[in-house]
Amino acid sequence: MPFYRLYRMKEHARQQFRWAPHASGATAVKPRDFEEGEEIEASGPYAAWAALKDSPRPLRVGDVLATSDGELCIYKYVGFEEARWVLPEVKSGLETAPVAVGSPLKESSGAVEVG
């Protein structure tokens, strides 16, 4: 039986999520909006929901379940739907470097000429 890692949505993000319009397709989720929780063994997302529904911490709208192979599903009012992590863009530092000016170097017979 598969294991699911539970990611609980932080409260500030949950309020925004609750009032956002429903969109089709995979939901983009940001890791910074979630707290990693416990693991649960279940045959599927709905079995995990059923196992947790009468617990002290049931699944709430916005919570994410992740499989061991990295597939995500988010709990919405309409059930579970596909989700994907949105990672921040990595900056190389070259974005703010000045643009080079001048002519490119030309190479002829082993000597470098500035053109």
PDB file of N, CA and C in Angstrom:
ATOM      1  N   MET A   1       0.854  -1.180   0.000  1.00  0.00           N
ATOM      2  CA  MET A   1       0.000   0.000   0.000  1.00  0.00           C
ATOM      3  C   MET A   1       0.905   1.249   0.000  1.00  0.00           C
ATOM      4  N   PRO A   2       0.581   2.237  -0.800  1.00  0.00           N
ATOM      5  CA  PRO A   2       1.444   3.427  -0.889  1.00  0.00           C
ATOM      6  C   PRO A   2       1.371   4.316   0.352  1.00  0.00           C
ATOM      7  N   PHE A   3       2.425   5.088   0.510  1.00  0.00           N
ATOM      8  CA  PHE A   3       2.484   6.090   1.573  1.00  0.00           C
ATOM      9  C   PHE A   3       2.303   7.462   0.953  1.00  0.00           C
ATOM     10  N   TYR A   4       1.649   8.336   1.678  1.00  0.00           N
ATOM     11  CA  TYR A   4       1.476   9.725   1.262  1.00  0.00           C
ATOM     12  C   TYR A   4       2.087  10.635   2.308  1.00  0.00           C
ATOM     13  N   ARG A   5       2.841  11.623   1.858  1.00  0.00           N
ATOM     14  CA  ARG A   5       3.370  12.664   2.747  1.00  0.00           C
ATOM     15  C   ARG A   5       2.344  13.795   2.715  1.00  0.00           C
ATOM     16  N   LEU A   6       1.943  14.250   3.877  1.00  0.00           N
ATOM     17  CA  LEU A   6       0.947  15.303   3.995  1.00  0.00           C
ATOM     18  C   LEU A   6       1.634  16.658   4.116  1.00  0.00           C
ATOM     19  N   TYR A   7       1.189  17.607   3.331  1.00  0.00           N
ATOM     20  CA  TYR A   7       1.650  18.993   3.420  1.00  0.00           C
ATOM     21  C   TYR A   7       0.440  19.845   3.762  1.00  0.00           C
ATOM     22  N   ARG A   8       0.486  20.459   4.943  1.00  0.00           N
ATOM     23  CA  ARG A   8      -0.645  21.274   5.403  1.00  0.00           C
ATOM     24  C   ARG A   8      -0.437  22.726   4.989  1.00  0.00           C
ATOM     25  N   MET A   9      -1.463  23.280   4.367  1.00  0.00           N
ATOM     26  CA  MET A   9      -1.388  24.661   3.911  1.00  0.00           C
ATOM     27  C   MET A   9      -1.395  25.598   5.122  1.00  0.00           C
ATOM     28  N   LYS A  10      -0.506  26.594   5.086  1.00  0.00           N
ATOM     29  CA  LYS A  10      -0.465  27.593   6.154  1.00  0.00           C
ATOM     30  C   LYS A  10      -1.735  28.427   6.094  1.00  0.00           C
ATOM     31  N   GLU A  11      -2.144  28.928   7.253  1.00  0.00           N
ATOM     32  CA  GLU A  11      -3.448  29.589   7.363  1.00  0.00           C
ATOM     33  C   GLU A  11      -3.580  30.813   6.459  1.00  0.00           C
ATOM     34  N   HIS A  12      -2.528  31.636   6.349  1.00  0.00           N
ATOM     35  CA  HIS A  12      -2.640  32.838   5.505  1.00  0.00           C
ATOM     36  C   HIS A  12      -2.884  32.462   4.039  1.00  0.00           C
ATOM     37  N   ALA A  13      -2.272  31.389   3.582  1.00  0.00           N
ATOM     38  CA  ALA A  13      -2.453  30.932   2.200  1.00  0.00           C
ATOM     39  C   ALA A  13      -3.819  30.261   2.033  1.00  0.00           C
ATOM     40  N   ARG A  14      -4.289  29.602   3.069  1.00  0.00           N
ATOM     41  CA  ARG A  14      -5.575  28.905   2.999  1.00  0.00           C
ATOM     42  C   ARG A  14      -6.719  29.890   2.759  1.00  0.00           C
ATOM     43  N   GLN A  15      -6.661  31.046   3.404  1.00  0.00           N
ATOM     44  CA  GLN A  15      -7.728  32.027   3.222  1.00  0.00           C
ATOM     45  C   GLN A  15      -7.781  32.507   1.774  1.00  0.00           C
ATOM     46  N   GLN A  16      -6.632  32.748   1.171  1.00  0.00           N
ATOM     47  CA  GLN A  16      -6.600  33.155  -0.237  1.00  0.00           C
ATOM     48  C   GLN A  16      -7.077  32.019  -1.133  1.00  0.00           C
ATOM     49  N   PHE A  17      -6.655  30.803  -0.828  1.00  0.00           N
ATOM     50  CA  PHE A  17      -7.014  29.638  -1.638  1.00  0.00           C
ATOM     51  C   PHE A  17      -8.520  29.390  -1.607  1.00  0.00           C
ATOM     52  N   ARG A  18      -9.118  29.549  -0.443  1.00  0.00           N
ATOM     53  CA  ARG A  18     -10.552  29.281  -0.298  1.00  0.00           C
ATOM     54  C   ARG A  18     -11.398  30.178  -1.179  1.00  0.00           C
ATOM     55  N   TRP A  19     -10.953  31.427  -1.378  1.00  0.00           N
ATOM     56  CA  TRP A  19     -11.756  32.381  -2.129  1.00  0.00           C
ATOM     57  C   TRP A  19     -11.332  32.506  -3.584  1.00  0.00           C
ATOM     58  N   ALA A  20     -10.307  31.790  -3.984  1.00  0.00           N
ATOM     59  CA  ALA A  20      -9.861  31.836  -5.381  1.00  0.00           C
ATOM     60  C   ALA A  20     -10.855  31.060  -6.254  1.00  0.00           C
ATOM     61  N   PRO A  21     -11.080  31.515  -7.483  1.00  0.00           N
ATOM     62  CA  PRO A  21     -11.993  30.778  -8.367  1.00  0.00           C
ATOM     63  C   PRO A  21     -11.416  29.412  -8.726  1.00  0.00           C
ATOM     64  N   HIS A  22     -12.313  28.462  -8.946  1.00  0.00           N
ATOM     65  CA  HIS A  22     -11.880  27.118  -9.329  1.00  0.00           C
ATOM     66  C   HIS A  22     -11.348  27.149 -10.759  1.00  0.00           C
ATOM     67  N   ALA A  23     -10.200  26.557 -10.959  1.00  0.00           N
ATOM     68  CA  ALA A  23      -9.604  26.490 -12.302  1.00  0.00           C
ATOM     69  C   ALA A  23      -9.345  25.033 -12.645  1.00  0.00           C
ATOM     70  N   SER A  24      -9.448  24.708 -13.922  1.00  0.00           N
ATOM     71  CA  SER A  24      -9.177  23.335 -14.338  1.00  0.00           C
ATOM     72  C   SER A  24      -7.687  23.165 -14.588  1.00  0.00           C
ATOM     73  N   GLY A  25      -7.243  21.940 -14.623  1.00  0.00           N
ATOM     74  CA  GLY A  25      -5.825  21.666 -14.821  1.00  0.00           C
ATOM     75  C   GLY A  25      -5.110  21.560 -13.495  1.00  0.00           C
ATOM     76  N   ALA A  26      -3.809  21.335 -13.575  1.00  0.00           N
ATOM     77  CA  ALA A  26      -2.994  21.179 -12.366  1.00  0.00           C
ATOM     78  C   ALA A  26      -2.914  22.498 -11.607  1.00  0.00           C
ATOM     79  N   THR A  27      -3.033  22.417 -10.302  1.00  0.00           N
ATOM     80  CA  THR A  27      -2.938  23.594  -9.441  1.00  0.00           C
ATOM     81  C   THR A  27      -1.475  23.839  -9.100  1.00  0.00           C
ATOM     82  N   ALA A  28      -1.022  25.069  -9.299  1.00  0.00           N
ATOM     83  CA  ALA A  28       0.351  25.446  -8.954  1.00  0.00           C
ATOM     84  C   ALA A  28       0.401  25.771  -7.469  1.00  0.00           C
ATOM     85  N   VAL A  29       1.277  25.093  -6.730  1.00  0.00           N
ATOM     86  CA  VAL A  29       1.416  25.327  -5.293  1.00  0.00           C
ATOM     87  C   VAL A  29       2.857  25.685  -4.965  1.00  0.00           C
ATOM     88  N   LYS A  30       3.022  26.609  -4.025  1.00  0.00           N
ATOM     89  CA  LYS A  30       4.348  27.086  -3.628  1.00  0.00           C
ATOM     90  C   LYS A  30       4.755  26.411  -2.316  1.00  0.00           C
ATOM     91  N   PRO A  31       5.932  25.809  -2.262  1.00  0.00           N
ATOM     92  CA  PRO A  31       6.370  25.130  -1.038  1.00  0.00           C
ATOM     93  C   PRO A  31       6.347  26.034   0.193  1.00  0.00           C
ATOM     94  N   ARG A  32       6.580  27.325   0.018  1.00  0.00           N
ATOM     95  CA  ARG A  32       6.613  28.245   1.170  1.00  0.00           C
ATOM     96  C   ARG A  32       5.249  28.383   1.843  1.00  0.00           C
ATOM     97  N   ASP A  33       4.165  27.987   1.154  1.00  0.00           N
ATOM     98  CA  ASP A  33       2.822  28.094   1.707  1.00  0.00           C
ATOM     99  C   ASP A  33       2.390  26.852   2.476  1.00  0.00           C
ATOM    100  N   PHE A  34       3.307  25.889   2.660  1.00  0.00           N
ATOM    101  CA  PHE A  34       2.949  24.613   3.280  1.00  0.00           C
ATOM    102  C   PHE A  34       3.929  24.238   4.377  1.00  0.00           C
ATOM    103  N   GLU A  35       3.418  23.463   5.330  1.00  0.00           N
ATOM    104  CA  GLU A  35       4.245  22.858   6.372  1.00  0.00           C
ATOM    105  C   GLU A  35       4.200  21.353   6.165  1.00  0.00           C
ATOM    106  N   GLU A  36       5.375  20.742   6.133  1.00  0.00           N
ATOM    107  CA  GLU A  36       5.427  19.290   5.942  1.00  0.00           C
ATOM    108  C   GLU A  36       4.870  18.610   7.176  1.00  0.00           C
ATOM    109  N   GLY A  37       4.010  17.634   6.941  1.00  0.00           N
ATOM    110  CA  GLY A  37       3.372  16.915   8.040  1.00  0.00           C
ATOM    111  C   GLY A  37       3.744  15.460   8.063  1.00  0.00           C
ATOM    112  N   GLU A  38       2.854  14.682   8.609  1.00  0.00           N
ATOM    113  CA  GLU A  38       3.090  13.257   8.798  1.00  0.00           C
ATOM    114  C   GLU A  38       2.910  12.476   7.507  1.00  0.00           C
ATOM    115  N   GLU A  39       3.266  11.202   7.577  1.00  0.00           N
ATOM    116  CA  GLU A  39       3.027  10.264   6.476  1.00  0.00           C
ATOM    117  C   GLU A  39       1.829   9.417   6.840  1.00  0.00           C
ATOM    118  N   ILE A  40       1.079   9.036   5.821  1.00  0.00           N
ATOM    119  CA  ILE A  40      -0.063   8.149   6.049  1.00  0.00           C
ATOM    120  C   ILE A  40      -0.050   7.063   4.986  1.00  0.00           C
ATOM    121  N   GLU A  41      -0.356   5.854   5.406  1.00  0.00           N
ATOM    122  CA  GLU A  41      -0.437   4.739   4.476  1.00  0.00           C
ATOM    123  C   GLU A  41      -1.897   4.592   4.058  1.00  0.00           C
ATOM    124  N   ALA A  42      -2.134   4.649   2.746  1.00  0.00           N
ATOM    125  CA  ALA A  42      -3.504   4.544   2.229  1.00  0.00           C
ATOM    126  C   ALA A  42      -3.458   4.072   0.791  1.00  0.00           C
ATOM    127  N   SER A  43      -4.552   3.479   0.341  1.00  0.00           N
ATOM    128  CA  SER A  43      -4.601   2.963  -1.025  1.00  0.00           C
ATOM    129  C   SER A  43      -4.784   4.070  -2.057  1.00  0.00           C
ATOM    130  N   GLY A  44      -5.176   5.249  -1.643  1.00  0.00           N
ATOM    131  CA  GLY A  44      -5.359   6.380  -2.544  1.00  0.00           C
ATOM    132  C   GLY A  44      -5.680   7.632  -1.755  1.00  0.00           C
ATOM    133  N   PRO A  45      -5.788   8.771  -2.430  1.00  0.00           N
ATOM    134  CA  PRO A  45      -6.071  10.027  -1.726  1.00  0.00           C
ATOM    135  C   PRO A  45      -7.375  10.002  -0.937  1.00  0.00           C
ATOM    136  N   TYR A  46      -8.423   9.402  -1.500  1.00  0.00           N
ATOM    137  CA  TYR A  46      -9.713   9.368  -0.799  1.00  0.00           C
ATOM    138  C   TYR A  46      -9.662   8.462   0.424  1.00  0.00           C
ATOM    139  N   ALA A  47      -8.863   7.393   0.355  1.00  0.00           N
ATOM    140  CA  ALA A  47      -8.675   6.522   1.519  1.00  0.00           C
ATOM    141  C   ALA A  47      -7.909   7.274   2.608  1.00  0.00           C
ATOM    142  N   ALA A  48      -6.942   8.101   2.221  1.00  0.00           N
ATOM    143  CA  ALA A  48      -6.217   8.924   3.196  1.00  0.00           C
ATOM    144  C   ALA A  48      -7.167   9.921   3.843  1.00  0.00           C
ATOM    145  N   TRP A  49      -8.013  10.547   3.035  1.00  0.00           N
ATOM    146  CA  TRP A  49      -9.001  11.496   3.565  1.00  0.00           C
ATOM    147  C   TRP A  49      -9.919  10.805   4.573  1.00  0.00           C
ATOM    148  N   ALA A  50     -10.406   9.603   4.205  1.00  0.00           N
ATOM    149  CA  ALA A  50     -11.312   8.863   5.084  1.00  0.00           C
ATOM    150  C   ALA A  50     -10.631   8.482   6.400  1.00  0.00           C
ATOM    151  N   ALA A  51      -9.360   8.103   6.320  1.00  0.00           N
ATOM    152  CA  ALA A  51      -8.626   7.708   7.527  1.00  0.00           C
ATOM    153  C   ALA A  51      -8.403   8.888   8.462  1.00  0.00           C
ATOM    154  N   LEU A  52      -8.289  10.091   7.894  1.00  0.00           N
ATOM    155  CA  LEU A  52      -7.996  11.277   8.713  1.00  0.00           C
ATOM    156  C   LEU A  52      -9.234  12.078   9.111  1.00  0.00           C
ATOM    157  N   LYS A  53     -10.392  11.803   8.503  1.00  0.00           N
ATOM    158  CA  LYS A  53     -11.548  12.691   8.696  1.00  0.00           C
ATOM    159  C   LYS A  53     -12.042  12.765  10.138  1.00  0.00           C
ATOM    160  N   ASP A  54     -11.896  11.717  10.925  1.00  0.00           N
ATOM    161  CA  ASP A  54     -12.336  11.738  12.324  1.00  0.00           C
ATOM    162  C   ASP A  54     -11.173  11.889  13.293  1.00  0.00           C
ATOM    163  N   SER A  55      -9.988  12.212  12.772  1.00  0.00           N
ATOM    164  CA  SER A  55      -8.805  12.384  13.619  1.00  0.00           C
ATOM    165  C   SER A  55      -8.779  13.815  14.171  1.00  0.00           C
ATOM    166  N   PRO A  56      -7.890  14.078  15.105  1.00  0.00           N
ATOM    167  CA  PRO A  56      -7.766  15.455  15.621  1.00  0.00           C
ATOM    168  C   PRO A  56      -7.330  16.456  14.544  1.00  0.00           C
ATOM    169  N   ARG A  57      -6.645  15.984  13.514  1.00  0.00           N
ATOM    170  CA  ARG A  57      -6.190  16.874  12.429  1.00  0.00           C
ATOM    171  C   ARG A  57      -6.616  16.307  11.071  1.00  0.00           C
ATOM    172  N   PRO A  58      -7.887  16.471  10.702  1.00  0.00           N
ATOM    173  CA  PRO A  58      -8.328  15.965   9.397  1.00  0.00           C
ATOM    174  C   PRO A  58      -7.748  16.804   8.262  1.00  0.00           C
ATOM    175  N   LEU A  59      -7.845  16.277   7.039  1.00  0.00           N
ATOM    176  CA  LEU A  59      -7.436  17.059   5.875  1.00  0.00           C
ATOM    177  C   LEU A  59      -8.372  18.250   5.744  1.00  0.00           C
ATOM    178  N   ARG A  60      -7.797  19.382   5.370  1.00  0.00           N
ATOM    179  CA  ARG A  60      -8.587  20.592   5.143  1.00  0.00           C
ATOM    180  C   ARG A  60      -8.379  21.041   3.704  1.00  0.00           C
ATOM    181  N   VAL A  61      -9.321  21.805   3.206  1.00  0.00           N
ATOM    182  CA  VAL A  61      -9.223  22.318   1.842  1.00  0.00           C
ATOM    183  C   VAL A  61      -7.895  23.051   1.688  1.00  0.00           C
ATOM    184  N   GLY A  62      -7.142  22.683   0.663  1.00  0.00           N
ATOM    185  CA  GLY A  62      -5.834  23.277   0.400  1.00  0.00           C
ATOM    186  C   GLY A  62      -4.673  22.382   0.771  1.00  0.00           C
ATOM    187  N   ASP A  63      -4.915  21.357   1.586  1.00  0.00           N
ATOM    188  CA  ASP A  63      -3.834  20.447   1.964  1.00  0.00           C
ATOM    189  C   ASP A  63      -3.434  19.590   0.769  1.00  0.00           C
ATOM    190  N   VAL A  64      -2.158  19.197   0.736  1.00  0.00           N
ATOM    191  CA  VAL A  64      -1.600  18.443  -0.385  1.00  0.00           C
ATOM    192  C   VAL A  64      -1.104  17.089   0.103  1.00  0.00           C
ATOM    193  N   LEU A  65      -1.355  16.070  -0.715  1.00  0.00           N
ATOM    194  CA  LEU A  65      -0.797  14.741  -0.491  1.00  0.00           C
ATOM    195  C   LEU A  65       0.230  14.472  -1.574  1.00  0.00           C
ATOM    196  N   ALA A  66       1.400  13.972  -1.175  1.00  0.00           N
ATOM    197  CA  ALA A  66       2.473  13.668  -2.125  1.00  0.00           C
ATOM    198  C   ALA A  66       2.813  12.191  -2.029  1.00  0.00           C
ATOM    199  N   THR A  67       2.921  11.527  -3.191  1.00  0.00           N
ATOM    200  CA  THR A  67       3.325  10.128  -3.221  1.00  0.00           C
ATOM    201  C   THR A  67       4.842  10.051  -3.122  1.00  0.00           C
ATOM    202  N   SER A  68       5.352   8.851  -2.904  1.00  0.00           N
ATOM    203  CA  SER A  68       6.805   8.676  -2.788  1.00  0.00           C
ATOM    204  C   SER A  68       7.519   8.980  -4.097  1.00  0.00           C
ATOM    205  N   ASP A  69       6.816   8.903  -5.238  1.00  0.00           N
ATOM    206  CA  ASP A  69       7.456   9.232  -6.517  1.00  0.00           C
ATOM    207  C   ASP A  69       7.227  10.685  -6.934  1.00  0.00           C
ATOM    208  N   GLY A  70       6.725  11.516  -6.025  1.00  0.00           N
ATOM    209  CA  GLY A  70       6.642  12.951  -6.268  1.00  0.00           C
ATOM    210  C   GLY A  70       5.342  13.465  -6.860  1.00  0.00           C
ATOM    211  N   GLU A  71       4.364  12.603  -7.107  1.00  0.00           N
ATOM    212  CA  GLU A  71       3.081  13.075  -7.622  1.00  0.00           C
ATOM    213  C   GLU A  71       2.318  13.768  -6.499  1.00  0.00           C
ATOM    214  N   LEU A  72       1.681  14.895  -6.840  1.00  0.00           N
ATOM    215  CA  LEU A  72       0.943  15.674  -5.852  1.00  0.00           C
ATOM    216  C   LEU A  72      -0.530  15.733  -6.194  1.00  0.00           C
ATOM    217  N   CYS A  73      -1.359  15.754  -5.165  1.00  0.00           N
ATOM    218  CA  CYS A  73      -2.776  16.051  -5.354  1.00  0.00           C
ATOM    219  C   CYS A  73      -3.205  16.969  -4.224  1.00  0.00           C
ATOM    220  N   ILE A  74      -4.048  17.934  -4.568  1.00  0.00           N
ATOM    221  CA  ILE A  74      -4.501  18.928  -3.606  1.00  0.00           C
ATOM    222  C   ILE A  74      -5.971  18.688  -3.298  1.00  0.00           C
ATOM    223  N   TYR A  75      -6.331  18.851  -2.037  1.00  0.00           N
ATOM    224  CA  TYR A  75      -7.706  18.655  -1.606  1.00  0.00           C
ATOM    225  C   TYR A  75      -8.477  19.945  -1.827  1.00  0.00           C
ATOM    226  N   LYS A  76      -9.489  19.879  -2.687  1.00  0.00           N
ATOM    227  CA  LYS A  76     -10.346  21.025  -2.987  1.00  0.00           C
ATOM    228  C   LYS A  76     -11.776  20.684  -2.590  1.00  0.00           C
ATOM    229  N   TYR A  77     -12.662  21.654  -2.685  1.00  0.00           N
ATOM    230  CA  TYR A  77     -14.070  21.421  -2.373  1.00  0.00           C
ATOM    231  C   TYR A  77     -14.674  20.334  -3.258  1.00  0.00           C
ATOM    232  N   VAL A  78     -14.167  20.191  -4.461  1.00  0.00           N
ATOM    233  CA  VAL A  78     -14.714  19.221  -5.416  1.00  0.00           C
ATOM    234  C   VAL A  78     -14.017  17.872  -5.332  1.00  0.00           C
ATOM    235  N   GLY A  79     -13.073  17.704  -4.429  1.00  0.00           N
ATOM    236  CA  GLY A  79     -12.327  16.460  -4.292  1.00  0.00           C
ATOM    237  C   GLY A  79     -10.844  16.707  -4.480  1.00  0.00           C
ATOM    238  N   PHE A  80     -10.122  15.697  -4.912  1.00  0.00           N
ATOM    239  CA  PHE A  80      -8.685  15.804  -5.118  1.00  0.00           C
ATOM    240  C   PHE A  80      -8.389  16.090  -6.577  1.00  0.00           C
ATOM    241  N   GLU A  81      -7.441  16.990  -6.810  1.00  0.00           N
ATOM    242  CA  GLU A  81      -7.014  17.313  -8.163  1.00  0.00           C
ATOM    243  C   GLU A  81      -5.500  17.360  -8.209  1.00  0.00           C
ATOM    244  N   GLU A  82      -4.961  17.236  -9.406  1.00  0.00           N
ATOM    245  CA  GLU A  82      -3.514  17.253  -9.612  1.00  0.00           C
ATOM    246  C   GLU A  82      -2.929  18.604  -9.186  1.00  0.00           C
ATOM    247  N   ALA A  83      -1.727  18.561  -8.638  1.00  0.00           N
ATOM    248  CA  ALA A  83      -1.020  19.779  -8.240  1.00  0.00           C
ATOM    249  C   ALA A  83       0.443  19.651  -8.647  1.00  0.00           C
ATOM    250  N   ARG A  84       1.118  20.775  -8.747  1.00  0.00           N
ATOM    251  CA  ARG A  84       2.552  20.815  -9.071  1.00  0.00           C
ATOM    252  C   ARG A  84       3.213  21.891  -8.229  1.00  0.00           C
ATOM    253  N   TRP A  85       4.408  21.580  -7.729  1.00  0.00           N
ATOM    254  CA  TRP A  85       5.184  22.582  -7.011  1.00  0.00           C
ATOM    255  C   TRP A  85       5.661  23.649  -7.993  1.00  0.00           C
ATOM    256  N   VAL A  86       5.577  24.885  -7.589  1.00  0.00           N
ATOM    257  CA  VAL A  86       6.136  26.004  -8.348  1.00  0.00           C
ATOM    258  C   VAL A  86       7.335  26.478  -7.545  1.00  0.00           C
ATOM    259  N   LEU A  87       8.520  26.292  -8.116  1.00  0.00           N
ATOM    260  CA  LEU A  87       9.742  26.669  -7.411  1.00  0.00           C
ATOM    261  C   LEU A  87      10.168  28.060  -7.858  1.00  0.00           C
ATOM    262  N   PRO A  88      10.758  28.831  -6.939  1.00  0.00           N
ATOM    263  CA  PRO A  88      11.203  30.172  -7.315  1.00  0.00           C
ATOM    264  C   PRO A  88      12.295  30.108  -8.373  1.00  0.00           C
ATOM    265  N   GLU A  89      12.310  31.122  -9.227  1.00  0.00           N
ATOM    266  CA  GLU A  89      13.316  31.195 -10.278  1.00  0.00           C
ATOM    267  C   GLU A  89      14.684  31.431  -9.655  1.00  0.00           C
ATOM    268  N   VAL A  90      15.673  30.663 -10.088  1.00  0.00           N
ATOM    269  CA  VAL A  90      17.031  30.810  -9.584  1.00  0.00           C
ATOM    270  C   VAL A  90      17.730  31.896 -10.393  1.00  0.00           C
ATOM    271  N   LYS A  91      18.240  32.894  -9.708  1.00  0.00           N
ATOM    272  CA  LYS A  91      18.948  33.995 -10.366  1.00  0.00           C
ATOM    273  C   LYS A  91      20.432  33.662 -10.424  1.00  0.00           C
ATOM    274  N   SER A  92      21.054  33.929 -11.575  1.00  0.00           N
ATOM    275  CA  SER A  92      22.473  33.643 -11.747  1.00  0.00           C
ATOM    276  C   SER A  92      23.355  34.819 -11.340  1.00  0.00           C
ATOM    277  N   GLY A  93      22.761  36.001 -11.208  1.00  0.00           N
ATOM    278  CA  GLY A  93      23.533  37.196 -10.901  1.00  0.00           C
ATOM    279  C   GLY A  93      23.903  37.971 -12.153  1.00  0.00           C
ATOM    280  N   LEU A  94      23.769  37.333 -13.303  1.00  0.00           N
ATOM    281  CA  LEU A  94      24.114  37.995 -14.561  1.00  0.00           C
ATOM    282  C   LEU A  94      22.992  38.906 -15.059  1.00  0.00           C
ATOM    283  N   GLU A  95      21.827  38.797 -14.446  1.00  0.00           N
ATOM    284  CA  GLU A  95      20.698  39.612 -14.882  1.00  0.00           C
ATOM    285  C   GLU A  95      20.977  41.104 -14.710  1.00  0.00           C
ATOM    286  N   THR A  96      21.770  41.462 -13.708  1.00  0.00           N
ATOM    287  CA  THR A  96      22.045  42.874 -13.440  1.00  0.00           C
ATOM    288  C   THR A  96      23.406  43.324 -13.968  1.00  0.00           C
ATOM    289  N   ALA A  97      24.158  42.418 -14.606  1.00  0.00           N
ATOM    290  CA  ALA A  97      25.477  42.771 -15.153  1.00  0.00           C
ATOM    291  C   ALA A  97      25.284  43.709 -16.350  1.00  0.00           C
ATOM    292  N   PRO A  98      26.211  44.664 -16.524  1.00  0.00           N
ATOM    293  CA  PRO A  98      26.079  45.576 -17.671  1.00  0.00           C
ATOM    294  C   PRO A  98      26.269  44.822 -18.990  1.00  0.00           C
ATOM    295  N   VAL A  99      25.616  45.317 -20.006  1.00  0.00           N
ATOM    296  CA  VAL A  99      25.719  44.711 -21.328  1.00  0.00           C
ATOM    297  C   VAL A  99      27.064  45.087 -21.932  1.00  0.00           C
ATOM    298  N   ALA A 100      27.737  44.110 -22.536  1.00  0.00           N
ATOM    299  CA  ALA A 100      29.040  44.360 -23.160  1.00  0.00           C
ATOM    300  C   ALA A 100      28.841  45.208 -24.415  1.00  0.00           C
ATOM    301  N   VAL A 101      29.764  46.136 -24.646  1.00  0.00           N
ATOM    302  CA  VAL A 101      29.709  46.978 -25.847  1.00  0.00           C
ATOM    303  C   VAL A 101      31.003  46.823 -26.621  1.00  0.00           C
ATOM    304  N   GLY A 102      30.975  47.192 -27.869  1.00  0.00           N
ATOM    305  CA  GLY A 102      32.173  47.108 -28.698  1.00  0.00           C
ATOM    306  C   GLY A 102      32.029  46.017 -29.724  1.00  0.00           C
ATOM    307  N   SER A 103      33.056  45.874 -30.523  1.00  0.00           N
ATOM    308  CA  SER A 103      33.055  44.864 -31.583  1.00  0.00           C
ATOM    309  C   SER A 103      33.586  43.558 -31.048  1.00  0.00           C
ATOM    310  N   PRO A 104      33.118  42.457 -31.583  1.00  0.00           N
ATOM    311  CA  PRO A 104      33.643  41.163 -31.153  1.00  0.00           C
ATOM    312  C   PRO A 104      35.073  40.985 -31.652  1.00  0.00           C
ATOM    313  N   LEU A 105      35.813  40.135 -30.976  1.00  0.00           N
ATOM    314  CA  LEU A 105      37.180  39.839 -31.390  1.00  0.00           C
ATOM    315  C   LEU A 105      37.165  38.992 -32.645  1.00  0.00           C
ATOM    316  N   LYS A 106      38.075  39.285 -33.577  1.00  0.00           N
ATOM    317  CA  LYS A 106      38.196  38.498 -34.807  1.00  0.00           C
ATOM    318  C   LYS A 106      39.481  37.704 -34.734  1.00  0.00           C
ATOM    319  N   GLU A 107      39.406  36.482 -35.193  1.00  0.00           N
ATOM    320  CA  GLU A 107      40.584  35.615 -35.163  1.00  0.00           C
ATOM    321  C   GLU A 107      41.041  35.363 -36.590  1.00  0.00           C
ATOM    322  N   SER A 108      42.325  35.638 -36.856  1.00  0.00           N
ATOM    323  CA  SER A 108      42.869  35.345 -38.189  1.00  0.00           C
ATOM    324  C   SER A 108      44.296  34.852 -38.047  1.00  0.00           C
ATOM    325  N   SER A 109      44.587  33.739 -38.639  1.00  0.00           N
ATOM    326  CA  SER A 109      45.907  33.091 -38.653  1.00  0.00           C
ATOM    327  C   SER A 109      46.591  33.061 -37.285  1.00  0.00           C
ATOM    328  N   GLY A 110      45.816  32.692 -36.272  1.00  0.00           N
ATOM    329  CA  GLY A 110      46.404  32.517 -34.957  1.00  0.00           C
ATOM    330  C   GLY A 110      46.505  33.791 -34.142  1.00  0.00           C
ATOM    331  N   ALA A 111      46.469  34.938 -34.769  1.00  0.00           N
ATOM    332  CA  ALA A 111      46.548  36.212 -34.045  1.00  0.00           C
ATOM    333  C   ALA A 111      45.127  36.727 -33.855  1.00  0.00           C
ATOM    334  N   VAL A 112      44.928  37.412 -32.767  1.00  0.00           N
ATOM    335  CA  VAL A 112      43.623  37.974 -32.484  1.00  0.00           C
ATOM    336  C   VAL A 112      43.651  39.442 -32.850  1.00  0.00           C
ATOM    337  N   GLU A 113      42.699  39.837 -33.652  1.00  0.00           N
ATOM    338  CA  GLU A 113      42.589  41.245 -34.043  1.00  0.00           C
ATOM    339  C   GLU A 113      41.347  41.826 -33.407  1.00  0.00           C
ATOM    340  N   VAL A 114      41.477  43.063 -33.000  1.00  0.00           N
ATOM    341  CA  VAL A 114      40.310  43.758 -32.483  1.00  0.00           C
ATOM    342  C   VAL A 114      39.717  44.530 -33.637  1.00  0.00           C
ATOM    343  N   GLY A 115      38.446  44.312 -33.947  1.00  0.00           N
ATOM    344  CA  GLY A 115      37.875  44.910 -35.141  1.00  0.00           C
ATOM    345  C   GLY A 115      36.975  46.008 -34.922  1.00  0.00           C
TER     346      GLY A 115
END
